[in-house]
N, C-alpha and C. Protein backbone atom coordinates (compact mmCIF):
# COMPACT_ATOMS: atom_id res chain seq x y z
N MET A 1 -27.44 3.71 12.81
CA MET A 1 -26.46 4.65 12.31
C MET A 1 -27.17 5.91 11.84
N PRO A 2 -26.66 7.08 12.20
CA PRO A 2 -27.32 8.33 11.80
C PRO A 2 -27.21 8.57 10.30
N GLU A 3 -28.16 9.32 9.78
CA GLU A 3 -28.15 9.70 8.36
C GLU A 3 -26.88 10.50 8.07
N LEU A 4 -26.31 10.28 6.91
CA LEU A 4 -25.13 11.04 6.51
C LEU A 4 -25.57 12.37 5.93
N SER A 5 -24.79 13.41 6.19
CA SER A 5 -25.07 14.72 5.62
C SER A 5 -24.76 14.68 4.13
N THR A 6 -25.25 15.66 3.40
CA THR A 6 -24.96 15.72 1.96
C THR A 6 -23.47 15.90 1.74
N THR A 7 -22.80 16.63 2.63
CA THR A 7 -21.35 16.79 2.52
C THR A 7 -20.67 15.44 2.68
N ASP A 8 -21.10 14.65 3.67
CA ASP A 8 -20.52 13.32 3.86
C ASP A 8 -20.76 12.43 2.65
N LEU A 9 -21.95 12.49 2.07
CA LEU A 9 -22.26 11.68 0.89
C LEU A 9 -21.35 12.07 -0.28
N LEU A 10 -21.15 13.36 -0.45
CA LEU A 10 -20.28 13.84 -1.54
C LEU A 10 -18.84 13.41 -1.31
N LEU A 11 -18.38 13.48 -0.06
CA LEU A 11 -17.01 13.05 0.24
C LEU A 11 -16.83 11.56 0.00
N LEU A 12 -17.83 10.76 0.35
CA LEU A 12 -17.75 9.32 0.08
C LEU A 12 -17.68 9.06 -1.43
N PHE A 13 -18.48 9.78 -2.20
CA PHE A 13 -18.45 9.62 -3.64
C PHE A 13 -17.07 9.96 -4.19
N GLN A 14 -16.50 11.05 -3.70
CA GLN A 14 -15.17 11.47 -4.15
C GLN A 14 -14.13 10.39 -3.81
N ARG A 15 -14.24 9.80 -2.62
CA ARG A 15 -13.32 8.73 -2.24
C ARG A 15 -13.52 7.49 -3.12
N ALA A 16 -14.78 7.19 -3.45
CA ALA A 16 -15.05 6.05 -4.33
C ALA A 16 -14.46 6.28 -5.71
N GLN A 17 -14.57 7.51 -6.21
CA GLN A 17 -13.94 7.83 -7.49
C GLN A 17 -12.42 7.65 -7.40
N ALA A 18 -11.82 8.15 -6.32
CA ALA A 18 -10.37 8.05 -6.16
C ALA A 18 -9.93 6.59 -6.06
N GLN A 19 -10.69 5.79 -5.35
CA GLN A 19 -10.38 4.37 -5.22
C GLN A 19 -10.41 3.68 -6.59
N PHE A 20 -11.41 4.02 -7.39
CA PHE A 20 -11.50 3.45 -8.73
C PHE A 20 -10.37 3.97 -9.61
N THR A 21 -10.06 5.26 -9.50
CA THR A 21 -8.97 5.85 -10.29
C THR A 21 -7.66 5.13 -10.01
N ASP A 22 -7.39 4.83 -8.75
CA ASP A 22 -6.16 4.11 -8.41
C ASP A 22 -6.09 2.78 -9.14
N ARG A 23 -7.21 2.08 -9.24
CA ARG A 23 -7.23 0.79 -9.92
C ARG A 23 -7.09 0.95 -11.44
N VAL A 24 -7.70 1.99 -12.01
CA VAL A 24 -7.54 2.24 -13.45
C VAL A 24 -6.08 2.56 -13.75
N ASP A 25 -5.48 3.38 -12.92
CA ASP A 25 -4.09 3.78 -13.11
C ASP A 25 -3.14 2.59 -13.03
N ALA A 26 -3.53 1.55 -12.31
CA ALA A 26 -2.67 0.38 -12.12
C ALA A 26 -2.79 -0.66 -13.24
N VAL A 27 -3.72 -0.47 -14.17
CA VAL A 27 -3.87 -1.43 -15.26
C VAL A 27 -2.63 -1.37 -16.15
N GLU A 28 -2.01 -2.52 -16.34
CA GLU A 28 -0.83 -2.61 -17.21
C GLU A 28 -1.26 -2.42 -18.66
N PRO A 29 -0.35 -1.93 -19.52
CA PRO A 29 -0.72 -1.70 -20.92
C PRO A 29 -1.36 -2.91 -21.61
N GLY A 30 -0.95 -4.12 -21.30
CA GLY A 30 -1.53 -5.30 -21.94
C GLY A 30 -2.73 -5.85 -21.22
N GLY A 31 -3.20 -5.15 -20.16
CA GLY A 31 -4.27 -5.69 -19.33
C GLY A 31 -5.67 -5.30 -19.71
N TRP A 32 -5.84 -4.47 -20.71
CA TRP A 32 -7.17 -3.94 -21.03
C TRP A 32 -8.13 -4.97 -21.61
N ASP A 33 -7.59 -6.03 -22.21
CA ASP A 33 -8.45 -7.06 -22.80
C ASP A 33 -8.75 -8.21 -21.84
N ALA A 34 -8.17 -8.19 -20.65
CA ALA A 34 -8.41 -9.26 -19.68
C ALA A 34 -9.88 -9.29 -19.29
N PRO A 35 -10.42 -10.47 -18.99
CA PRO A 35 -11.83 -10.54 -18.55
C PRO A 35 -12.00 -9.90 -17.17
N ALA A 36 -13.07 -9.13 -17.03
CA ALA A 36 -13.36 -8.49 -15.74
C ALA A 36 -14.65 -9.03 -15.14
N LEU A 37 -15.68 -9.11 -15.94
CA LEU A 37 -16.99 -9.63 -15.56
C LEU A 37 -17.49 -10.45 -16.75
N PRO A 38 -18.48 -11.31 -16.55
CA PRO A 38 -18.97 -12.09 -17.70
C PRO A 38 -19.35 -11.18 -18.88
N GLY A 39 -18.67 -11.40 -19.98
CA GLY A 39 -18.94 -10.63 -21.19
C GLY A 39 -18.25 -9.28 -21.24
N TRP A 40 -17.49 -8.93 -20.21
CA TRP A 40 -16.83 -7.61 -20.16
C TRP A 40 -15.34 -7.77 -19.96
N SER A 41 -14.57 -7.02 -20.73
CA SER A 41 -13.14 -6.92 -20.51
C SER A 41 -12.87 -5.82 -19.48
N VAL A 42 -11.62 -5.69 -19.09
CA VAL A 42 -11.23 -4.59 -18.20
C VAL A 42 -11.60 -3.26 -18.86
N ALA A 43 -11.32 -3.13 -20.14
CA ALA A 43 -11.66 -1.89 -20.85
C ALA A 43 -13.17 -1.64 -20.82
N ASP A 44 -13.96 -2.69 -21.02
CA ASP A 44 -15.42 -2.54 -20.98
C ASP A 44 -15.89 -2.06 -19.61
N LEU A 45 -15.29 -2.60 -18.55
CA LEU A 45 -15.66 -2.20 -17.20
C LEU A 45 -15.34 -0.73 -16.97
N VAL A 46 -14.16 -0.30 -17.36
CA VAL A 46 -13.78 1.11 -17.20
C VAL A 46 -14.67 1.99 -18.07
N ALA A 47 -15.01 1.54 -19.25
CA ALA A 47 -15.91 2.31 -20.12
C ALA A 47 -17.29 2.44 -19.49
N HIS A 48 -17.77 1.37 -18.85
CA HIS A 48 -19.07 1.42 -18.18
C HIS A 48 -19.09 2.51 -17.11
N LEU A 49 -18.06 2.54 -16.28
CA LEU A 49 -18.00 3.55 -15.22
C LEU A 49 -17.79 4.94 -15.80
N THR A 50 -17.02 5.03 -16.87
CA THR A 50 -16.82 6.33 -17.53
C THR A 50 -18.15 6.85 -18.05
N SER A 51 -18.92 5.98 -18.69
CA SER A 51 -20.23 6.35 -19.19
C SER A 51 -21.14 6.82 -18.06
N GLU A 52 -21.15 6.09 -16.95
CA GLU A 52 -21.99 6.50 -15.82
C GLU A 52 -21.65 7.91 -15.35
N GLN A 53 -20.36 8.23 -15.33
CA GLN A 53 -19.95 9.57 -14.91
C GLN A 53 -20.42 10.63 -15.91
N LEU A 54 -20.38 10.28 -17.20
CA LEU A 54 -20.80 11.23 -18.23
C LEU A 54 -22.29 11.56 -18.15
N TRP A 55 -23.07 10.64 -17.59
CA TRP A 55 -24.51 10.89 -17.46
C TRP A 55 -24.83 11.92 -16.38
N VAL A 56 -23.96 12.07 -15.40
CA VAL A 56 -24.26 12.91 -14.24
C VAL A 56 -24.56 14.36 -14.59
N PRO A 57 -23.68 15.08 -15.32
CA PRO A 57 -23.98 16.49 -15.58
C PRO A 57 -25.34 16.75 -16.24
N PRO A 58 -25.69 16.04 -17.32
CA PRO A 58 -27.00 16.33 -17.91
C PRO A 58 -28.18 15.92 -17.02
N LEU A 59 -28.05 14.80 -16.31
CA LEU A 59 -29.17 14.39 -15.45
C LEU A 59 -29.36 15.37 -14.29
N LEU A 60 -28.27 15.85 -13.71
CA LEU A 60 -28.40 16.84 -12.63
C LEU A 60 -28.90 18.18 -13.16
N ALA A 61 -28.71 18.42 -14.46
CA ALA A 61 -29.22 19.65 -15.09
C ALA A 61 -30.70 19.52 -15.44
N GLY A 62 -31.30 18.35 -15.15
CA GLY A 62 -32.73 18.18 -15.36
C GLY A 62 -33.11 17.50 -16.65
N GLU A 63 -32.15 17.04 -17.42
CA GLU A 63 -32.47 16.39 -18.68
C GLU A 63 -33.05 15.00 -18.45
N GLU A 64 -33.85 14.55 -19.38
CA GLU A 64 -34.46 13.22 -19.34
C GLU A 64 -33.48 12.21 -19.93
N PRO A 65 -33.50 10.96 -19.46
CA PRO A 65 -32.58 9.94 -19.99
C PRO A 65 -32.64 9.80 -21.51
N GLY A 66 -33.84 9.87 -22.08
CA GLY A 66 -33.96 9.72 -23.53
C GLY A 66 -33.23 10.80 -24.31
N ALA A 67 -33.18 12.00 -23.75
CA ALA A 67 -32.49 13.10 -24.41
C ALA A 67 -30.97 12.97 -24.29
N VAL A 68 -30.52 12.29 -23.25
CA VAL A 68 -29.08 12.17 -22.98
C VAL A 68 -28.49 10.98 -23.72
N ALA A 69 -29.24 9.90 -23.85
CA ALA A 69 -28.72 8.63 -24.36
C ALA A 69 -27.99 8.76 -25.69
N GLY A 70 -28.50 9.51 -26.61
CA GLY A 70 -27.89 9.63 -27.93
C GLY A 70 -26.59 10.41 -27.95
N ARG A 71 -26.31 11.15 -26.87
CA ARG A 71 -25.10 11.97 -26.83
C ARG A 71 -23.93 11.28 -26.16
N ILE A 72 -24.18 10.18 -25.46
CA ILE A 72 -23.10 9.48 -24.76
C ILE A 72 -22.80 8.19 -25.51
N PRO A 73 -21.55 8.05 -25.97
CA PRO A 73 -21.21 6.83 -26.73
C PRO A 73 -21.46 5.57 -25.91
N ALA A 74 -21.83 4.51 -26.59
CA ALA A 74 -22.03 3.22 -25.92
C ALA A 74 -20.85 2.30 -26.17
N ASP A 75 -20.04 2.62 -27.15
CA ASP A 75 -18.92 1.78 -27.54
C ASP A 75 -17.69 2.04 -26.66
N THR A 76 -17.06 0.96 -26.20
CA THR A 76 -15.88 1.07 -25.34
C THR A 76 -14.80 1.93 -25.99
N GLY A 77 -14.51 1.67 -27.26
CA GLY A 77 -13.47 2.43 -27.95
C GLY A 77 -13.78 3.91 -28.03
N GLN A 78 -15.04 4.25 -28.29
CA GLN A 78 -15.42 5.66 -28.35
C GLN A 78 -15.35 6.32 -26.97
N LEU A 79 -15.70 5.59 -25.95
CA LEU A 79 -15.68 6.15 -24.59
C LEU A 79 -14.26 6.37 -24.08
N LEU A 80 -13.37 5.42 -24.37
CA LEU A 80 -12.03 5.48 -23.79
C LEU A 80 -10.98 6.03 -24.73
N GLY A 81 -11.24 6.01 -26.05
CA GLY A 81 -10.23 6.48 -27.00
C GLY A 81 -8.93 5.72 -26.81
N GLY A 82 -7.84 6.39 -27.01
CA GLY A 82 -6.53 5.75 -26.85
C GLY A 82 -5.95 5.88 -25.47
N ASP A 83 -6.67 6.55 -24.56
CA ASP A 83 -6.13 6.80 -23.22
C ASP A 83 -7.23 6.60 -22.17
N PRO A 84 -7.44 5.34 -21.74
CA PRO A 84 -8.53 5.06 -20.80
C PRO A 84 -8.45 5.84 -19.49
N LEU A 85 -7.25 6.03 -18.94
CA LEU A 85 -7.13 6.76 -17.68
C LEU A 85 -7.59 8.20 -17.83
N THR A 86 -7.15 8.86 -18.90
CA THR A 86 -7.57 10.25 -19.12
C THR A 86 -9.07 10.34 -19.37
N ALA A 87 -9.61 9.39 -20.15
CA ALA A 87 -11.06 9.40 -20.40
C ALA A 87 -11.83 9.25 -19.09
N TRP A 88 -11.41 8.30 -18.25
CA TRP A 88 -12.05 8.10 -16.95
C TRP A 88 -11.94 9.36 -16.10
N GLU A 89 -10.73 9.90 -15.96
CA GLU A 89 -10.52 11.06 -15.08
C GLU A 89 -11.32 12.28 -15.55
N THR A 90 -11.38 12.48 -16.86
CA THR A 90 -12.13 13.62 -17.39
C THR A 90 -13.62 13.49 -17.06
N ALA A 91 -14.16 12.30 -17.28
CA ALA A 91 -15.58 12.06 -16.96
C ALA A 91 -15.83 12.17 -15.46
N ALA A 92 -14.94 11.60 -14.65
CA ALA A 92 -15.10 11.64 -13.20
C ALA A 92 -15.04 13.07 -12.68
N ASP A 93 -14.12 13.86 -13.21
CA ASP A 93 -14.01 15.26 -12.78
C ASP A 93 -15.28 16.04 -13.12
N ALA A 94 -15.83 15.81 -14.31
CA ALA A 94 -17.07 16.51 -14.70
C ALA A 94 -18.23 16.11 -13.80
N ALA A 95 -18.30 14.82 -13.46
CA ALA A 95 -19.37 14.36 -12.57
C ALA A 95 -19.21 14.99 -11.19
N LEU A 96 -18.02 14.96 -10.64
CA LEU A 96 -17.81 15.51 -9.31
C LEU A 96 -18.12 17.00 -9.28
N THR A 97 -17.73 17.72 -10.31
CA THR A 97 -18.03 19.15 -10.39
C THR A 97 -19.54 19.38 -10.38
N SER A 98 -20.27 18.54 -11.11
CA SER A 98 -21.74 18.67 -11.15
C SER A 98 -22.36 18.36 -9.79
N TRP A 99 -21.87 17.29 -9.14
CA TRP A 99 -22.40 16.94 -7.82
C TRP A 99 -22.13 18.04 -6.80
N ALA A 100 -20.99 18.71 -6.92
CA ALA A 100 -20.60 19.73 -5.94
C ALA A 100 -21.24 21.09 -6.19
N ALA A 101 -21.95 21.26 -7.29
CA ALA A 101 -22.58 22.54 -7.60
C ALA A 101 -23.64 22.87 -6.55
N PRO A 102 -23.80 24.16 -6.23
CA PRO A 102 -24.81 24.54 -5.24
C PRO A 102 -26.20 24.00 -5.61
N GLY A 103 -26.84 23.36 -4.65
CA GLY A 103 -28.20 22.86 -4.83
C GLY A 103 -28.30 21.52 -5.55
N ALA A 104 -27.19 20.98 -6.05
CA ALA A 104 -27.27 19.75 -6.84
C ALA A 104 -27.86 18.59 -6.05
N LEU A 105 -27.51 18.49 -4.79
CA LEU A 105 -27.95 17.34 -4.00
C LEU A 105 -29.38 17.48 -3.49
N SER A 106 -29.98 18.62 -3.71
CA SER A 106 -31.38 18.77 -3.32
C SER A 106 -32.33 18.58 -4.51
N ARG A 107 -31.77 18.30 -5.66
CA ARG A 107 -32.57 18.14 -6.87
C ARG A 107 -33.19 16.74 -6.97
N THR A 108 -34.09 16.62 -7.92
CA THR A 108 -34.64 15.33 -8.32
C THR A 108 -34.11 15.07 -9.72
N VAL A 109 -33.61 13.86 -9.95
CA VAL A 109 -33.11 13.49 -11.28
C VAL A 109 -34.08 12.51 -11.91
N HIS A 110 -34.10 12.51 -13.22
CA HIS A 110 -34.96 11.59 -13.96
C HIS A 110 -34.10 10.43 -14.44
N LEU A 111 -34.30 9.28 -13.83
CA LEU A 111 -33.58 8.07 -14.21
C LEU A 111 -34.53 7.15 -14.96
N SER A 112 -34.01 6.06 -15.48
CA SER A 112 -34.86 5.15 -16.23
C SER A 112 -35.98 4.58 -15.35
N GLY A 113 -35.76 4.50 -14.04
CA GLY A 113 -36.78 4.00 -13.12
C GLY A 113 -37.75 5.06 -12.64
N GLY A 114 -37.56 6.30 -13.09
CA GLY A 114 -38.44 7.39 -12.70
C GLY A 114 -37.72 8.45 -11.90
N PRO A 115 -38.46 9.48 -11.45
CA PRO A 115 -37.86 10.56 -10.68
C PRO A 115 -37.23 10.01 -9.39
N THR A 116 -36.01 10.47 -9.10
CA THR A 116 -35.23 9.97 -7.97
C THR A 116 -34.54 11.13 -7.28
N PRO A 117 -34.56 11.18 -5.95
CA PRO A 117 -33.79 12.22 -5.26
C PRO A 117 -32.31 12.11 -5.65
N ALA A 118 -31.68 13.24 -5.89
CA ALA A 118 -30.28 13.24 -6.30
C ALA A 118 -29.39 12.52 -5.28
N THR A 119 -29.71 12.66 -4.00
CA THR A 119 -28.88 11.97 -3.00
C THR A 119 -28.96 10.45 -3.16
N ASP A 120 -30.12 9.92 -3.52
CA ASP A 120 -30.24 8.47 -3.75
C ASP A 120 -29.39 8.04 -4.95
N TYR A 121 -29.40 8.86 -5.98
CA TYR A 121 -28.60 8.59 -7.17
C TYR A 121 -27.11 8.61 -6.81
N LEU A 122 -26.70 9.57 -5.98
CA LEU A 122 -25.30 9.67 -5.56
C LEU A 122 -24.89 8.44 -4.74
N VAL A 123 -25.73 8.00 -3.84
CA VAL A 123 -25.44 6.82 -3.02
C VAL A 123 -25.32 5.58 -3.91
N GLU A 124 -26.21 5.45 -4.88
CA GLU A 124 -26.15 4.32 -5.82
C GLU A 124 -24.85 4.33 -6.60
N MET A 125 -24.45 5.50 -7.08
CA MET A 125 -23.21 5.60 -7.85
C MET A 125 -21.99 5.29 -6.97
N THR A 126 -22.03 5.70 -5.71
CA THR A 126 -20.93 5.42 -4.79
C THR A 126 -20.80 3.91 -4.57
N ALA A 127 -21.93 3.25 -4.37
CA ALA A 127 -21.91 1.79 -4.19
C ALA A 127 -21.38 1.10 -5.45
N ASP A 128 -21.83 1.55 -6.61
CA ASP A 128 -21.40 0.95 -7.87
C ASP A 128 -19.89 1.11 -8.07
N LEU A 129 -19.38 2.29 -7.80
CA LEU A 129 -17.94 2.53 -7.91
C LEU A 129 -17.16 1.63 -6.96
N THR A 130 -17.69 1.45 -5.76
CA THR A 130 -16.99 0.64 -4.76
C THR A 130 -16.89 -0.81 -5.20
N VAL A 131 -18.01 -1.39 -5.60
CA VAL A 131 -18.00 -2.79 -6.02
C VAL A 131 -17.17 -2.97 -7.29
N HIS A 132 -17.29 -2.05 -8.23
CA HIS A 132 -16.52 -2.19 -9.47
C HIS A 132 -15.03 -1.94 -9.25
N ALA A 133 -14.64 -1.22 -8.21
CA ALA A 133 -13.21 -1.09 -7.89
C ALA A 133 -12.65 -2.47 -7.55
N TRP A 134 -13.44 -3.24 -6.83
CA TRP A 134 -13.01 -4.62 -6.51
C TRP A 134 -12.94 -5.46 -7.78
N ASP A 135 -13.97 -5.36 -8.63
CA ASP A 135 -13.98 -6.11 -9.88
C ASP A 135 -12.72 -5.82 -10.69
N LEU A 136 -12.38 -4.55 -10.79
CA LEU A 136 -11.23 -4.14 -11.59
C LEU A 136 -9.93 -4.66 -10.97
N ALA A 137 -9.80 -4.52 -9.66
CA ALA A 137 -8.59 -5.00 -8.98
C ALA A 137 -8.44 -6.52 -9.12
N ARG A 138 -9.54 -7.23 -8.95
CA ARG A 138 -9.50 -8.69 -9.09
C ARG A 138 -9.09 -9.09 -10.50
N ALA A 139 -9.61 -8.40 -11.49
CA ALA A 139 -9.32 -8.73 -12.89
C ALA A 139 -7.88 -8.45 -13.27
N THR A 140 -7.26 -7.50 -12.61
CA THR A 140 -5.91 -7.08 -12.99
C THR A 140 -4.85 -7.52 -11.99
N GLY A 141 -5.25 -8.28 -10.97
CA GLY A 141 -4.28 -8.70 -9.97
C GLY A 141 -3.86 -7.58 -9.04
N GLY A 142 -4.73 -6.60 -8.89
CA GLY A 142 -4.41 -5.44 -8.05
C GLY A 142 -4.87 -5.62 -6.62
N VAL A 143 -4.88 -4.52 -5.89
CA VAL A 143 -5.27 -4.51 -4.48
C VAL A 143 -6.79 -4.61 -4.40
N THR A 144 -7.27 -5.71 -3.81
CA THR A 144 -8.71 -5.93 -3.73
C THR A 144 -9.32 -5.44 -2.42
N ALA A 145 -8.49 -5.08 -1.45
CA ALA A 145 -9.02 -4.53 -0.19
C ALA A 145 -9.62 -3.16 -0.49
N LEU A 146 -10.85 -2.96 -0.04
CA LEU A 146 -11.57 -1.71 -0.30
C LEU A 146 -11.61 -0.83 0.94
N ASP A 147 -11.80 0.46 0.73
CA ASP A 147 -11.97 1.43 1.80
C ASP A 147 -13.14 0.98 2.69
N ALA A 148 -12.88 0.82 3.98
CA ALA A 148 -13.88 0.28 4.90
C ALA A 148 -15.13 1.14 5.00
N GLU A 149 -14.99 2.45 4.96
CA GLU A 149 -16.18 3.31 5.02
C GLU A 149 -17.01 3.19 3.76
N LEU A 150 -16.35 3.04 2.63
CA LEU A 150 -17.09 2.85 1.38
C LEU A 150 -17.80 1.51 1.37
N VAL A 151 -17.14 0.49 1.90
CA VAL A 151 -17.77 -0.82 2.00
C VAL A 151 -19.03 -0.73 2.86
N ALA A 152 -18.92 -0.06 4.01
CA ALA A 152 -20.07 0.07 4.91
C ALA A 152 -21.21 0.83 4.23
N ALA A 153 -20.88 1.90 3.52
CA ALA A 153 -21.92 2.68 2.83
C ALA A 153 -22.57 1.87 1.72
N ALA A 154 -21.77 1.15 0.96
CA ALA A 154 -22.31 0.33 -0.12
C ALA A 154 -23.16 -0.81 0.43
N PHE A 155 -22.76 -1.37 1.57
CA PHE A 155 -23.54 -2.44 2.17
C PHE A 155 -24.90 -1.92 2.63
N ARG A 156 -24.92 -0.72 3.23
CA ARG A 156 -26.20 -0.12 3.64
C ARG A 156 -27.11 0.06 2.42
N TYR A 157 -26.53 0.53 1.32
CA TYR A 157 -27.30 0.69 0.08
C TYR A 157 -27.87 -0.65 -0.36
N ALA A 158 -27.02 -1.67 -0.38
CA ALA A 158 -27.44 -2.99 -0.86
C ALA A 158 -28.56 -3.57 0.00
N GLU A 159 -28.47 -3.40 1.29
CA GLU A 159 -29.48 -3.94 2.19
C GLU A 159 -30.85 -3.32 1.95
N VAL A 160 -30.87 -2.07 1.53
CA VAL A 160 -32.14 -1.36 1.30
C VAL A 160 -32.65 -1.57 -0.12
N HIS A 161 -31.74 -1.58 -1.09
CA HIS A 161 -32.17 -1.50 -2.49
C HIS A 161 -32.06 -2.79 -3.31
N LEU A 162 -31.34 -3.78 -2.82
CA LEU A 162 -31.20 -5.00 -3.60
C LEU A 162 -32.08 -6.10 -3.02
N GLY A 163 -32.91 -6.64 -3.85
CA GLY A 163 -33.80 -7.71 -3.41
C GLY A 163 -33.09 -9.05 -3.35
N ASP A 164 -33.83 -10.07 -3.01
CA ASP A 164 -33.27 -11.41 -2.89
C ASP A 164 -32.79 -11.96 -4.22
N ASP A 165 -33.25 -11.37 -5.31
CA ASP A 165 -32.83 -11.81 -6.64
C ASP A 165 -31.85 -10.84 -7.27
N GLY A 166 -31.30 -9.89 -6.49
CA GLY A 166 -30.45 -8.86 -7.05
C GLY A 166 -31.31 -7.90 -7.86
N VAL A 167 -30.82 -7.48 -9.00
CA VAL A 167 -31.59 -6.69 -9.94
C VAL A 167 -31.47 -7.42 -11.27
N PRO A 168 -32.49 -8.20 -11.63
CA PRO A 168 -32.39 -9.05 -12.82
C PRO A 168 -31.87 -8.29 -14.05
N GLY A 169 -30.85 -8.88 -14.67
CA GLY A 169 -30.25 -8.29 -15.85
C GLY A 169 -29.22 -7.22 -15.55
N VAL A 170 -29.08 -6.84 -14.27
CA VAL A 170 -28.15 -5.77 -13.91
C VAL A 170 -27.19 -6.22 -12.81
N ILE A 171 -27.74 -6.72 -11.72
CA ILE A 171 -26.93 -7.16 -10.57
C ILE A 171 -27.33 -8.59 -10.25
N ALA A 172 -26.34 -9.46 -10.18
CA ALA A 172 -26.60 -10.87 -9.91
C ALA A 172 -27.23 -11.06 -8.53
N ALA A 173 -27.90 -12.18 -8.38
CA ALA A 173 -28.48 -12.53 -7.08
C ALA A 173 -27.36 -12.73 -6.06
N PRO A 174 -27.65 -12.48 -4.80
CA PRO A 174 -26.63 -12.67 -3.76
C PRO A 174 -26.15 -14.12 -3.71
N VAL A 175 -24.90 -14.27 -3.29
CA VAL A 175 -24.34 -15.61 -3.10
C VAL A 175 -24.12 -15.83 -1.60
N GLU A 176 -24.03 -17.10 -1.22
CA GLU A 176 -23.83 -17.46 0.19
C GLU A 176 -22.44 -17.04 0.65
N VAL A 177 -22.34 -16.67 1.93
CA VAL A 177 -21.05 -16.36 2.52
C VAL A 177 -20.84 -17.24 3.74
N PRO A 178 -19.59 -17.53 4.07
CA PRO A 178 -19.33 -18.35 5.25
C PRO A 178 -19.70 -17.60 6.52
N PRO A 179 -20.04 -18.32 7.58
CA PRO A 179 -20.33 -17.66 8.86
C PRO A 179 -19.12 -16.82 9.29
N GLY A 180 -19.41 -15.66 9.83
CA GLY A 180 -18.36 -14.79 10.33
C GLY A 180 -17.61 -14.02 9.26
N ALA A 181 -18.14 -14.01 8.03
CA ALA A 181 -17.46 -13.30 6.94
C ALA A 181 -17.38 -11.81 7.25
N ASP A 182 -16.30 -11.19 6.82
CA ASP A 182 -16.14 -9.75 7.06
C ASP A 182 -17.12 -8.96 6.17
N LEU A 183 -17.22 -7.66 6.44
CA LEU A 183 -18.22 -6.84 5.75
C LEU A 183 -17.94 -6.75 4.26
N GLN A 184 -16.68 -6.66 3.85
CA GLN A 184 -16.38 -6.59 2.42
C GLN A 184 -16.85 -7.86 1.72
N THR A 185 -16.58 -9.02 2.31
CA THR A 185 -17.03 -10.28 1.72
C THR A 185 -18.55 -10.31 1.63
N ARG A 186 -19.22 -9.86 2.68
CA ARG A 186 -20.69 -9.83 2.67
C ARG A 186 -21.22 -8.86 1.63
N LEU A 187 -20.56 -7.70 1.47
CA LEU A 187 -20.97 -6.74 0.44
C LEU A 187 -20.85 -7.37 -0.94
N LEU A 188 -19.70 -7.93 -1.22
CA LEU A 188 -19.48 -8.51 -2.55
C LEU A 188 -20.47 -9.63 -2.83
N ALA A 189 -20.76 -10.44 -1.81
CA ALA A 189 -21.75 -11.51 -1.96
C ALA A 189 -23.13 -10.93 -2.24
N ARG A 190 -23.45 -9.81 -1.61
CA ARG A 190 -24.75 -9.16 -1.82
C ARG A 190 -24.91 -8.73 -3.27
N PHE A 191 -23.77 -8.40 -3.91
CA PHE A 191 -23.76 -8.00 -5.31
C PHE A 191 -23.45 -9.18 -6.23
N GLY A 192 -23.57 -10.41 -5.71
CA GLY A 192 -23.42 -11.59 -6.53
C GLY A 192 -21.99 -12.00 -6.83
N ARG A 193 -21.04 -11.46 -6.09
CA ARG A 193 -19.64 -11.81 -6.31
C ARG A 193 -19.21 -12.86 -5.29
N PRO A 194 -18.78 -14.04 -5.76
CA PRO A 194 -18.29 -15.05 -4.81
C PRO A 194 -16.94 -14.62 -4.21
N ALA A 195 -16.70 -15.05 -2.99
CA ALA A 195 -15.45 -14.70 -2.32
C ALA A 195 -14.27 -15.41 -2.93
């Protein structure tokens, strides 16, 4: 498969954000405390993605993670306030604006793992949004079918960046899939999600 252009990468990220937004918008008022992942409620999951979006503007501006960490709340309540959808959308819009700025995708960002090309960071965030859209939909009884192009992009990311043990403490080890499983099932298994 040919390399994607920076425009294509940005469009995939925007679609991943939109896919996640649809799932956040579908959370029923009483659904925020439902379990989403081990140790995380639906609200915690949305707060996690909101936080990730808030990191984008300062990191793309060249700031170091240590300088940014103290400015972004870690608490779910502080991140989401009384309106989780608005908190998510505001953070997502700021991130997308930063990604779309001239020259943003040619930069190097400083992540906890060291200097990283901005395009690699964007691809990682797109994969994370895609998998967590499924987590959110599954937790809330929503639509779990994911955008096929996003699934393919996230699977390519996983094949290159996730080892046989996942990412200890962050991403679970892959789980077995039945023969002939579709790409979405294989992607979710790669991220440690059973079918």
